[in-house]
Amino acid sequence: MIRSVDYVIIYVADLHRSIDFYRDVVGLPFKFEGDGYVEFATTGCKFALYERTKLAELIGRNMVEGDGPQGEVAFIVDDVDTESKRLRRAGVMMLSGPQDRPWGHRTIHFLDPDGFVVEFAQEIPRGRPGAGA
């Protein structure tokens, strides 16, 4: 039985560009870097990046890039609206939101430098008036 998620690793084209994005734009505290792997200092589930050019060493083959987003990572934040304004000022390409969701989150979605979808979610009461608006 799976009890929790230990870590999420995103395979990226340009490791340092992605470090800059997740550290400076998303706001994750940097923990360490080594041999194509970068980890951020998160609580609970670990969040890391891995350089795509090193995939053959790790899993025995290279990754084939698709035409669209190749994954999503979501982070719980205190205030989605404040984060949305900050990201827009930073020139981040926003995909959606802020939007109330019926499952109890107010969300925004945006793209990282490799086309992965990043979600910021703020916990709100389920079925909050205006949900889905």
Foldseek 3Di string as FASTA:
>chain_A
DDDAAAEDEAADADQVLQCCCCCVQVNFAWDDDDDQKTWTDDPHYTYIYGYQVCVCVVPVDGDDDDDAADEEDEDEDADAVVSVVSNVVVVFAWDDDQAAAQVFWRWTWTAGPRRHIYMYTYGGDHPPPRHPD
